[in-house]
Amino acid sequence: MLDLLIRNKSFRTLILFYIFNDSSVILLQMANGWLTLAITNSVFWTGAVYGFGGIGVVSFSLFGGILADKMNRKRILQITQPIDFICTLILGCSIYFHLISLWQILLIVLITGAIAGVRLPTREALLLDVVGKKKLVHAISVSFVLFTILGFLIPITNGILIDLDMSIVYFICSILILFSLLTITRLNIYSNHLVNESRVSFLSWSSINEIIKYLQNENIIKQILIIMLVSEIFGWSHNSMLPVMIREVFKLPATSLGLALSFASIGALIGTIIISQLSKSSYIYLVIGLMGFGVFLIGFSMANYFYLAVFCLTLAWGFAFIFEIKIYSYLQLITSNRMRGRILSLLAISYGLSSVSGFVNGTVGKFLGVEYAISLLGVFLMIMAIYAMFKLKNIDQKIENV
C-alpha cells in the first residue's frame, strides 16, 4: 500500500484531498447532531437533521453521476468545494453570534448534502482514473485506512471543542474545505475519458435510460447495489442516534461521543488491514463482515455499560469495513468505464438514504427508545447478510472473467 503512495504522485494528491475533505465531514457529522440535540432536546430532530442531509444527497447523486461521466472530474470538485466552504462558514458565524436556529441547520445541511451528492460519484471515479484496475483494491485500502485514522484522531478533539465552543468546529471545517480546494487544483489526470462538455445534455432521459438498460443486463451489479442500498440504510444510519445514546442513555458529554467514535475507528482500521492482507478473494468475507456488523450493532444498543457499548461498536465497525471494502471493490471492478460515474452515483444515493433514514430512527427512538431503533437496524443487516450469501456466490468467478 505504501508503495502506491510513494510511486504515484497523482494518487498522493488525491489522498491529500481526501484527508482534508474527510476531516471536515467527520467533524460536521458529529457536530451537526450534537448541535441539533443541544438546541431542540429532541430525539426526532436529531435524527431528522441527518435526514435532511440525506435528502440532498439522494436528490443530486444521479446528476452528479452523469456529470462524472460527461464532464472534467477535477473541475466538478473545484466548483463544489467553494459552496461547502461558504455554507460551513455561515453556520459557524451564526453559532458564534448566537443567531443559530433549527431552520438554519436544516437548510445548510440540505445544501451541503446536495453538494455531497454531486461530489461523491466524481471523487470515487477519480480513484480508478488515478491508479488503474490492478491497484484499485490497494488504493481503496489506503483511502479507508486514512479515513479510519482520521476517525480515531478527530472525534476526541472534536468532543472537547464542542464542549468548549461549537463555533470553533465549524470554523475549522471551513479551513479544511478551503485546503481541499487548493489541493485538488494540483491534481493531474490523463486517463479521464471525456466528451466535449459543450455538447453534453445533462440529466437527459437517454442518460437515465442507459443506466436502466445496463442494470437489466448486469444482474450481479444489480444485486451488489441492492445489498449496498439496504446495508447503508439499515447500517450506517445508526450514526444519527449516537448523540442520543451518549447524552440521553448514558448521560455523558460530547467528549464521550468523541471517545466512542475514536475507538470505533480503531475497529474500522483493524478490519481494513485484515481485508487488505487477505490474498485470496472470496465473497464470503463480505458476508461475514455484514453479519458481524449486525450482531455487534445489536450488542452496542443493548449494553448496560458505556465501555461495553464502546467495545461492541468497535467490533461492529471492524466487521462493517470488511464488508464495505469488499463490496465497493467488487462494484468498481465489475462496472464498465463508460458507466462508472453513473453507477457510483447509485452508491452515493445509498449513502444519502442512510441519512434519510434518520427520520425513521428519530421517530422509532422517540416512541420505543433509541436502543430498540438501533437493534432493529442490526436485525436487518443480519437478514441482508443471508441474502448476500446466496445472491453473490458467483461473483468471484465473474470478476476473473472481466
Protein backbone atom coordinates (compact mmCIF):
# COMPACT_ATOMS: atom_id res chain seq x y z
CA MET A 1 0.00 0.00 0.00
CA LEU A 2 2.82 2.41 0.87
CA ASP A 3 4.49 1.66 -2.45
CA LEU A 4 1.46 3.06 -4.24
CA LEU A 5 1.72 6.33 -2.29
CA ILE A 6 5.44 6.63 -2.98
CA ARG A 7 5.32 5.95 -6.72
CA ASN A 8 2.09 7.67 -7.79
CA LYS A 9 2.15 11.47 -7.39
CA SER A 10 -1.45 11.93 -8.57
CA PHE A 11 -2.62 9.36 -6.02
CA ARG A 12 -0.77 11.25 -3.26
CA THR A 13 -2.52 14.46 -4.31
CA LEU A 14 -5.92 12.77 -4.36
CA ILE A 15 -5.28 11.22 -0.94
CA LEU A 16 -4.37 14.66 0.43
CA PHE A 17 -7.69 15.94 -0.89
CA TYR A 18 -9.41 13.01 0.83
CA ILE A 19 -7.68 13.87 4.12
CA PHE A 20 -8.86 17.49 4.14
CA ASN A 21 -12.34 16.71 2.84
CA ASP A 22 -12.95 13.65 5.05
CA SER A 23 -11.70 15.52 8.13
CA SER A 24 -14.34 18.19 7.56
CA VAL A 25 -17.01 15.52 7.01
CA ILE A 26 -16.14 13.71 10.27
CA LEU A 27 -16.20 16.98 12.21
CA LEU A 28 -19.54 18.06 10.74
CA GLN A 29 -21.33 14.73 11.14
CA MET A 30 -20.50 14.70 14.82
CA ALA A 31 -21.16 18.41 15.41
CA ASN A 32 -24.45 18.69 13.49
CA GLY A 33 -26.17 16.02 15.56
CA TRP A 34 -24.91 17.35 18.88
CA LEU A 35 -25.79 20.94 17.91
CA THR A 36 -29.33 19.94 16.97
CA LEU A 37 -29.80 17.96 20.18
CA ALA A 38 -28.49 20.90 22.23
CA ILE A 39 -30.92 23.34 20.57
CA THR A 40 -34.06 21.18 20.46
CA ASN A 41 -33.59 18.43 23.10
CA SER A 42 -35.46 16.29 20.57
CA VAL A 43 -34.62 12.74 19.51
CA PHE A 44 -36.71 13.22 16.35
CA TRP A 45 -34.94 16.38 15.17
CA THR A 46 -31.54 14.89 15.94
CA GLY A 47 -32.39 12.11 13.51
CA ALA A 48 -34.10 14.50 11.12
CA VAL A 49 -31.02 16.69 10.67
CA TYR A 50 -29.27 13.65 9.18
CA GLY A 51 -32.40 13.04 7.12
CA PHE A 52 -32.30 16.48 5.52
CA GLY A 53 -28.68 15.95 4.53
CA GLY A 54 -29.64 12.59 3.06
CA ILE A 55 -32.43 14.16 1.01
CA GLY A 56 -29.85 16.49 -0.55
CA VAL A 57 -27.50 13.59 -1.35
CA VAL A 58 -30.25 11.40 -2.84
CA SER A 59 -31.74 14.23 -4.91
CA PHE A 60 -28.47 15.20 -6.61
CA SER A 61 -26.44 11.97 -6.75
CA LEU A 62 -27.74 10.86 -10.15
CA PHE A 63 -26.99 14.30 -11.54
CA GLY A 64 -23.51 14.02 -10.02
CA GLY A 65 -23.00 10.61 -11.64
CA ILE A 66 -23.93 11.94 -15.07
CA LEU A 67 -21.57 14.87 -14.56
CA ALA A 68 -18.80 12.46 -13.53
CA ASP A 69 -19.18 10.56 -16.82
CA LYS A 70 -19.51 13.59 -19.07
CA MET A 71 -17.54 16.46 -17.51
CA ASN A 72 -13.99 17.07 -16.32
CA ARG A 73 -13.97 15.45 -12.88
CA LYS A 74 -11.37 17.76 -11.42
CA ARG A 75 -13.48 20.76 -12.43
CA ILE A 76 -16.53 19.33 -10.66
CA LEU A 77 -14.62 19.29 -7.37
CA GLN A 78 -13.32 22.81 -7.98
CA ILE A 79 -16.93 24.01 -8.34
CA THR A 80 -18.45 22.15 -5.39
CA GLN A 81 -15.84 22.82 -2.69
CA PRO A 82 -16.36 26.65 -2.52
CA ILE A 83 -20.10 26.15 -1.92
CA ASP A 84 -19.33 23.83 1.00
CA PHE A 85 -16.86 26.40 2.34
CA ILE A 86 -19.42 29.24 2.31
CA CYS A 87 -22.20 27.15 3.90
CA THR A 88 -19.97 25.93 6.73
CA LEU A 89 -18.63 29.41 7.38
CA ILE A 90 -22.17 30.83 7.59
CA LEU A 91 -23.16 28.20 10.13
CA GLY A 92 -20.04 28.89 12.21
CA CYS A 93 -20.75 32.65 12.25
CA SER A 94 -24.39 32.06 13.21
CA ILE A 95 -23.29 29.98 16.21
CA TYR A 96 -20.60 32.47 17.21
CA PHE A 97 -23.03 35.43 17.19
CA HIS A 98 -25.80 33.38 18.90
CA LEU A 99 -28.10 33.61 15.89
CA ILE A 100 -28.39 29.88 15.28
CA SER A 101 -31.79 28.22 14.96
CA LEU A 102 -33.09 24.86 13.77
CA TRP A 103 -34.23 26.07 10.34
CA GLN A 104 -30.71 27.35 9.59
CA ILE A 105 -29.16 23.99 10.44
CA LEU A 106 -31.68 22.11 8.31
CA LEU A 107 -31.23 24.45 5.32
CA ILE A 108 -27.42 24.35 5.42
CA VAL A 109 -27.39 20.57 5.87
CA LEU A 110 -29.76 20.19 2.91
CA ILE A 111 -27.50 22.33 0.68
CA THR A 112 -24.27 20.62 1.74
CA GLY A 113 -25.98 17.25 1.27
CA ALA A 114 -26.84 18.22 -2.31
CA ILE A 115 -23.22 19.25 -2.91
CA ALA A 116 -22.04 15.92 -1.47
CA GLY A 117 -24.42 14.13 -3.85
CA VAL A 118 -22.77 15.85 -6.81
CA ARG A 119 -19.24 15.36 -5.47
CA LEU A 120 -19.33 11.71 -4.31
CA PRO A 121 -19.53 9.93 -7.71
CA THR A 122 -16.71 12.13 -9.04
CA ARG A 123 -14.38 11.58 -6.11
CA GLU A 124 -14.92 7.81 -6.22
CA ALA A 125 -14.49 7.61 -10.01
CA LEU A 126 -11.23 9.59 -9.78
CA LEU A 127 -9.67 6.85 -7.68
CA LEU A 128 -9.73 4.35 -10.54
CA ASP A 129 -8.63 7.05 -13.01
CA VAL A 130 -5.54 7.70 -10.94
CA VAL A 131 -4.40 4.15 -10.03
CA GLY A 132 -5.94 1.79 -12.59
CA LYS A 133 -7.76 -1.52 -12.02
CA LYS A 134 -4.75 -3.57 -10.92
CA LYS A 135 -4.01 -1.27 -7.99
CA LEU A 136 -7.62 -0.43 -7.13
CA VAL A 137 -8.05 -2.69 -4.07
CA HIS A 138 -4.80 -1.36 -2.57
CA ALA A 139 -5.88 2.22 -3.33
CA ILE A 140 -9.27 1.65 -1.66
CA SER A 141 -7.50 0.16 1.36
CA VAL A 142 -5.19 3.19 1.62
CA SER A 143 -8.13 5.59 1.49
CA PHE A 144 -10.05 3.57 4.09
CA VAL A 145 -7.01 3.32 6.38
CA LEU A 146 -6.52 7.09 6.25
CA PHE A 147 -10.22 7.66 6.88
CA THR A 148 -10.17 5.41 9.94
CA ILE A 149 -7.03 7.07 11.30
CA LEU A 150 -8.78 10.43 10.93
CA GLY A 151 -11.85 8.85 12.50
CA PHE A 152 -9.74 7.97 15.54
CA LEU A 153 -7.85 11.25 15.93
CA ILE A 154 -10.57 13.80 15.16
CA PRO A 155 -13.60 12.84 17.33
CA ILE A 156 -11.74 13.05 20.66
CA THR A 157 -10.53 16.57 19.87
CA ASN A 158 -13.88 17.46 18.38
CA GLY A 159 -15.71 16.43 21.54
CA ILE A 160 -13.52 18.76 23.60
CA LEU A 161 -14.10 21.63 21.14
CA ILE A 162 -17.87 21.05 21.13
CA ASP A 163 -17.98 21.30 24.91
CA LEU A 164 -15.87 24.50 24.79
CA ASP A 165 -17.36 26.41 21.84
CA MET A 166 -19.29 24.82 18.98
CA SER A 167 -18.47 27.63 16.52
CA ILE A 168 -14.76 26.67 16.58
CA VAL A 169 -15.62 23.31 15.00
CA TYR A 170 -17.34 24.96 12.03
CA PHE A 171 -14.55 27.48 11.50
CA ILE A 172 -12.00 24.65 11.44
CA CYS A 173 -14.19 22.79 8.93
CA SER A 174 -14.22 25.87 6.69
CA ILE A 175 -10.43 25.97 6.70
CA LEU A 176 -10.19 22.25 5.90
CA ILE A 177 -12.59 22.62 2.96
CA LEU A 178 -10.53 25.54 1.66
CA PHE A 179 -7.37 23.41 1.86
CA SER A 180 -9.14 20.60 -0.03
CA LEU A 181 -9.96 23.05 -2.83
CA LEU A 182 -6.35 24.23 -3.05
CA THR A 183 -5.16 20.61 -3.11
CA ILE A 184 -7.44 19.41 -5.91
CA THR A 185 -6.19 22.16 -8.22
CA ARG A 186 -2.81 20.38 -8.20
CA LEU A 187 -4.23 17.06 -9.41
CA ASN A 188 -3.13 15.91 -12.86
CA ILE A 189 -5.25 13.29 -14.62
CA TYR A 190 -4.66 11.89 -18.05
CA SER A 191 -7.00 8.88 -18.21
CA ASN A 192 -10.32 10.64 -17.70
CA HIS A 193 -12.42 9.73 -20.76
CA LEU A 194 -14.31 12.93 -21.50
CA VAL A 195 -16.61 14.21 -24.19
CA ASN A 196 -16.92 17.78 -25.41
CA GLU A 197 -18.67 19.49 -22.48
CA SER A 198 -20.44 21.99 -24.72
CA ARG A 199 -22.29 19.09 -26.36
CA VAL A 200 -23.35 17.36 -23.14
CA SER A 201 -27.04 17.20 -22.29
CA PHE A 202 -27.12 16.58 -18.56
CA LEU A 203 -29.98 14.74 -16.91
CA SER A 204 -31.35 13.69 -20.31
CA TRP A 205 -33.68 10.72 -20.42
CA SER A 206 -31.18 8.88 -22.59
CA SER A 207 -28.58 9.00 -19.78
CA ILE A 208 -31.05 7.65 -17.22
CA ASN A 209 -32.40 5.05 -19.66
CA GLU A 210 -28.84 3.87 -20.28
CA ILE A 211 -28.47 3.10 -16.57
CA ILE A 212 -31.72 1.13 -16.53
CA LYS A 213 -30.74 -0.95 -19.57
CA TYR A 214 -27.26 -1.53 -18.21
CA LEU A 215 -28.58 -2.88 -14.90
CA GLN A 216 -31.08 -5.10 -16.71
CA ASN A 217 -28.19 -6.82 -18.47
CA GLU A 218 -25.88 -6.92 -15.42
CA ASN A 219 -27.68 -8.90 -12.72
CA ILE A 220 -24.67 -9.16 -10.37
CA ILE A 221 -24.17 -5.37 -10.39
CA LYS A 222 -27.87 -5.02 -9.64
CA GLN A 223 -27.56 -7.41 -6.69
CA ILE A 224 -24.48 -5.56 -5.39
CA LEU A 225 -26.41 -2.28 -5.48
CA ILE A 226 -29.41 -3.81 -3.68
CA ILE A 227 -27.17 -5.17 -0.92
CA MET A 228 -25.29 -1.87 -0.63
CA LEU A 229 -28.52 0.10 -0.57
CA VAL A 230 -30.11 -1.93 2.22
CA SER A 231 -26.91 -2.22 4.24
CA GLU A 232 -26.34 1.54 4.11
CA ILE A 233 -29.92 2.32 5.11
CA PHE A 234 -30.00 -0.22 7.95
CA GLY A 235 -26.36 0.00 8.94
CA TRP A 236 -24.69 3.37 8.95
CA SER A 237 -27.92 5.17 9.81
CA HIS A 238 -27.12 4.26 13.42
CA ASN A 239 -24.83 7.32 13.35
CA SER A 240 -27.88 9.55 13.63
CA MET A 241 -28.69 8.05 17.04
CA LEU A 242 -25.20 8.09 18.56
CA PRO A 243 -25.54 11.58 20.11
CA VAL A 244 -28.82 10.48 21.71
CA MET A 245 -27.28 7.25 23.07
CA ILE A 246 -24.39 9.13 24.65
CA ARG A 247 -26.27 12.11 26.09
CA GLU A 248 -29.68 10.67 26.90
CA VAL A 249 -28.98 6.99 27.70
CA PHE A 250 -25.50 7.13 29.25
CA LYS A 251 -25.85 10.76 30.47
CA LEU A 252 -22.38 11.70 29.22
CA PRO A 253 -20.91 14.82 27.49
CA ALA A 254 -19.71 15.29 23.88
CA THR A 255 -16.20 14.15 24.81
CA SER A 256 -17.61 10.66 25.43
CA LEU A 257 -19.20 10.68 21.97
CA GLY A 258 -15.76 11.51 20.60
CA LEU A 259 -14.23 8.66 22.59
CA ALA A 260 -16.80 6.17 21.27
CA LEU A 261 -16.25 7.24 17.66
CA SER A 262 -12.48 7.14 18.04
CA PHE A 263 -12.48 3.58 19.35
CA ALA A 264 -14.97 2.57 16.65
CA SER A 265 -12.49 3.91 14.10
CA ILE A 266 -9.79 1.66 15.59
CA GLY A 267 -12.08 -1.27 14.84
CA ALA A 268 -12.55 0.03 11.32
CA LEU A 269 -8.79 0.31 10.88
CA ILE A 270 -8.25 -3.26 12.04
CA GLY A 271 -10.98 -4.51 9.70
CA THR A 272 -9.40 -2.59 6.81
CA ILE A 273 -5.94 -4.04 7.47
CA ILE A 274 -7.33 -7.58 7.75
CA ILE A 275 -9.22 -7.47 4.44
CA SER A 276 -6.33 -5.79 2.59
CA GLN A 277 -3.91 -8.54 3.67
CA LEU A 278 -6.07 -11.49 2.61
CA SER A 279 -4.51 -12.84 -0.57
CA LYS A 280 -7.49 -14.91 -1.71
CA SER A 281 -10.57 -13.00 -2.84
CA SER A 282 -13.82 -14.52 -1.62
CA TYR A 283 -17.32 -13.13 -1.32
CA ILE A 284 -17.68 -14.97 1.99
CA TYR A 285 -15.60 -12.23 3.65
CA LEU A 286 -18.30 -9.80 2.56
CA VAL A 287 -21.00 -11.99 4.14
CA ILE A 288 -19.07 -12.37 7.41
CA GLY A 289 -18.45 -8.64 7.55
CA LEU A 290 -22.12 -7.80 7.10
CA MET A 291 -23.26 -10.41 9.63
CA GLY A 292 -20.75 -9.23 12.24
CA PHE A 293 -21.82 -5.63 11.67
CA GLY A 294 -25.40 -6.52 12.53
CA VAL A 295 -24.61 -8.73 15.54
CA PHE A 296 -22.36 -6.22 17.28
CA LEU A 297 -24.62 -3.28 16.47
CA ILE A 298 -27.31 -5.09 18.45
CA GLY A 299 -24.74 -5.66 21.21
CA PHE A 300 -23.99 -1.93 21.26
CA SER A 301 -27.65 -1.00 21.61
CA MET A 302 -28.27 -3.49 24.43
CA ALA A 303 -25.12 -2.80 26.50
CA ASN A 304 -25.79 -1.53 30.02
CA TYR A 305 -22.34 0.00 30.49
CA PHE A 306 -20.67 2.68 28.38
CA TYR A 307 -17.36 0.90 27.86
CA LEU A 308 -19.08 -2.37 26.94
CA ALA A 309 -21.13 -0.41 24.39
CA VAL A 310 -17.92 1.15 23.00
CA PHE A 311 -16.34 -2.31 22.71
CA CYS A 312 -19.34 -3.59 20.72
CA LEU A 313 -19.35 -0.51 18.49
CA THR A 314 -15.64 -1.03 17.82
CA LEU A 315 -16.24 -4.61 16.68
CA ALA A 316 -19.29 -3.55 14.65
CA TRP A 317 -17.23 -1.01 12.69
CA GLY A 318 -14.43 -3.54 12.18
CA PHE A 319 -16.79 -6.01 10.51
CA ALA A 320 -18.54 -3.16 8.66
CA PHE A 321 -15.33 -2.04 6.97
CA ILE A 322 -14.51 -5.59 5.88
CA PHE A 323 -17.89 -5.61 4.15
CA GLU A 324 -17.55 -2.08 2.76
CA ILE A 325 -14.13 -2.60 1.16
CA LYS A 326 -15.11 -5.92 -0.43
CA ILE A 327 -18.38 -4.78 -1.93
CA TYR A 328 -17.03 -1.40 -3.03
CA SER A 329 -14.07 -3.00 -4.83
CA TYR A 330 -16.41 -5.52 -6.48
CA LEU A 331 -18.60 -2.70 -7.78
CA GLN A 332 -15.65 -0.73 -9.21
CA LEU A 333 -14.03 -3.76 -10.84
CA ILE A 334 -17.15 -5.14 -12.47
CA THR A 335 -18.57 -1.86 -13.83
CA SER A 336 -17.59 -0.69 -17.32
CA ASN A 337 -15.62 2.57 -17.65
CA ARG A 338 -18.32 4.37 -19.60
CA MET A 339 -20.92 3.73 -16.87
CA ARG A 340 -18.75 4.05 -13.79
CA GLY A 341 -19.78 7.57 -12.76
CA ARG A 342 -23.48 6.85 -13.06
CA ILE A 343 -23.28 3.52 -11.24
CA LEU A 344 -21.27 5.15 -8.47
CA SER A 345 -24.00 7.80 -8.25
CA LEU A 346 -26.33 4.98 -7.16
CA LEU A 347 -23.79 4.16 -4.46
CA ALA A 348 -23.91 7.81 -3.38
CA ILE A 349 -27.71 7.57 -3.26
CA SER A 350 -27.38 4.65 -0.84
CA TYR A 351 -25.14 6.84 1.36
CA GLY A 352 -27.80 9.53 1.27
CA LEU A 353 -30.59 7.13 2.12
CA SER A 354 -28.70 6.03 5.23
CA SER A 355 -29.04 9.65 6.39
CA VAL A 356 -32.65 9.96 5.21
CA SER A 357 -33.49 7.01 7.46
CA GLY A 358 -32.61 9.34 10.34
CA PHE A 359 -36.26 10.44 10.13
CA VAL A 360 -37.34 6.84 10.81
CA ASN A 361 -34.72 6.28 13.52
CA GLY A 362 -35.72 9.51 15.22
CA THR A 363 -39.40 8.53 15.18
CA VAL A 364 -38.78 4.96 16.43
CA GLY A 365 -36.34 6.28 19.02
CA LYS A 366 -38.87 8.81 20.25
CA PHE A 367 -41.68 6.27 20.80
CA LEU A 368 -39.86 2.98 21.52
CA GLY A 369 -36.45 4.14 22.67
CA VAL A 370 -33.16 4.65 20.85
CA GLU A 371 -31.90 1.21 21.94
CA TYR A 372 -34.70 -0.54 20.05
CA ALA A 373 -34.20 1.67 16.99
CA ILE A 374 -30.55 0.59 16.72
CA SER A 375 -31.36 -3.08 17.46
CA LEU A 376 -33.77 -3.18 14.53
CA LEU A 377 -31.01 -1.92 12.24
CA GLY A 378 -28.78 -4.80 13.34
CA VAL A 379 -31.52 -7.36 12.62
CA PHE A 380 -31.96 -6.05 9.06
CA LEU A 381 -28.19 -6.28 8.49
CA MET A 382 -28.16 -9.94 9.53
CA ILE A 383 -31.03 -10.71 7.15
CA MET A 384 -29.18 -8.95 4.32
CA ALA A 385 -26.02 -10.99 5.05
CA ILE A 386 -28.00 -14.18 4.44
CA TYR A 387 -29.39 -12.67 1.22
CA ALA A 388 -25.86 -11.77 0.04
CA MET A 389 -24.61 -15.30 0.75
CA PHE A 390 -26.98 -16.69 -1.89
CA LYS A 391 -27.08 -13.85 -4.42
CA LEU A 392 -23.33 -13.18 -4.78
CA LYS A 393 -21.97 -16.74 -4.70
CA ASN A 394 -20.76 -16.49 -8.35
CA ILE A 395 -19.24 -13.02 -8.15
CA ASP A 396 -15.59 -14.10 -7.78
CA GLN A 397 -15.81 -16.10 -10.99
CA LYS A 398 -17.42 -13.11 -12.70
CA ILE A 399 -14.55 -10.84 -11.61
CA GLU A 400 -11.98 -13.27 -13.02
CA ASN A 401 -13.66 -13.08 -16.42
CA VAL A 402 -13.72 -9.26 -16.55
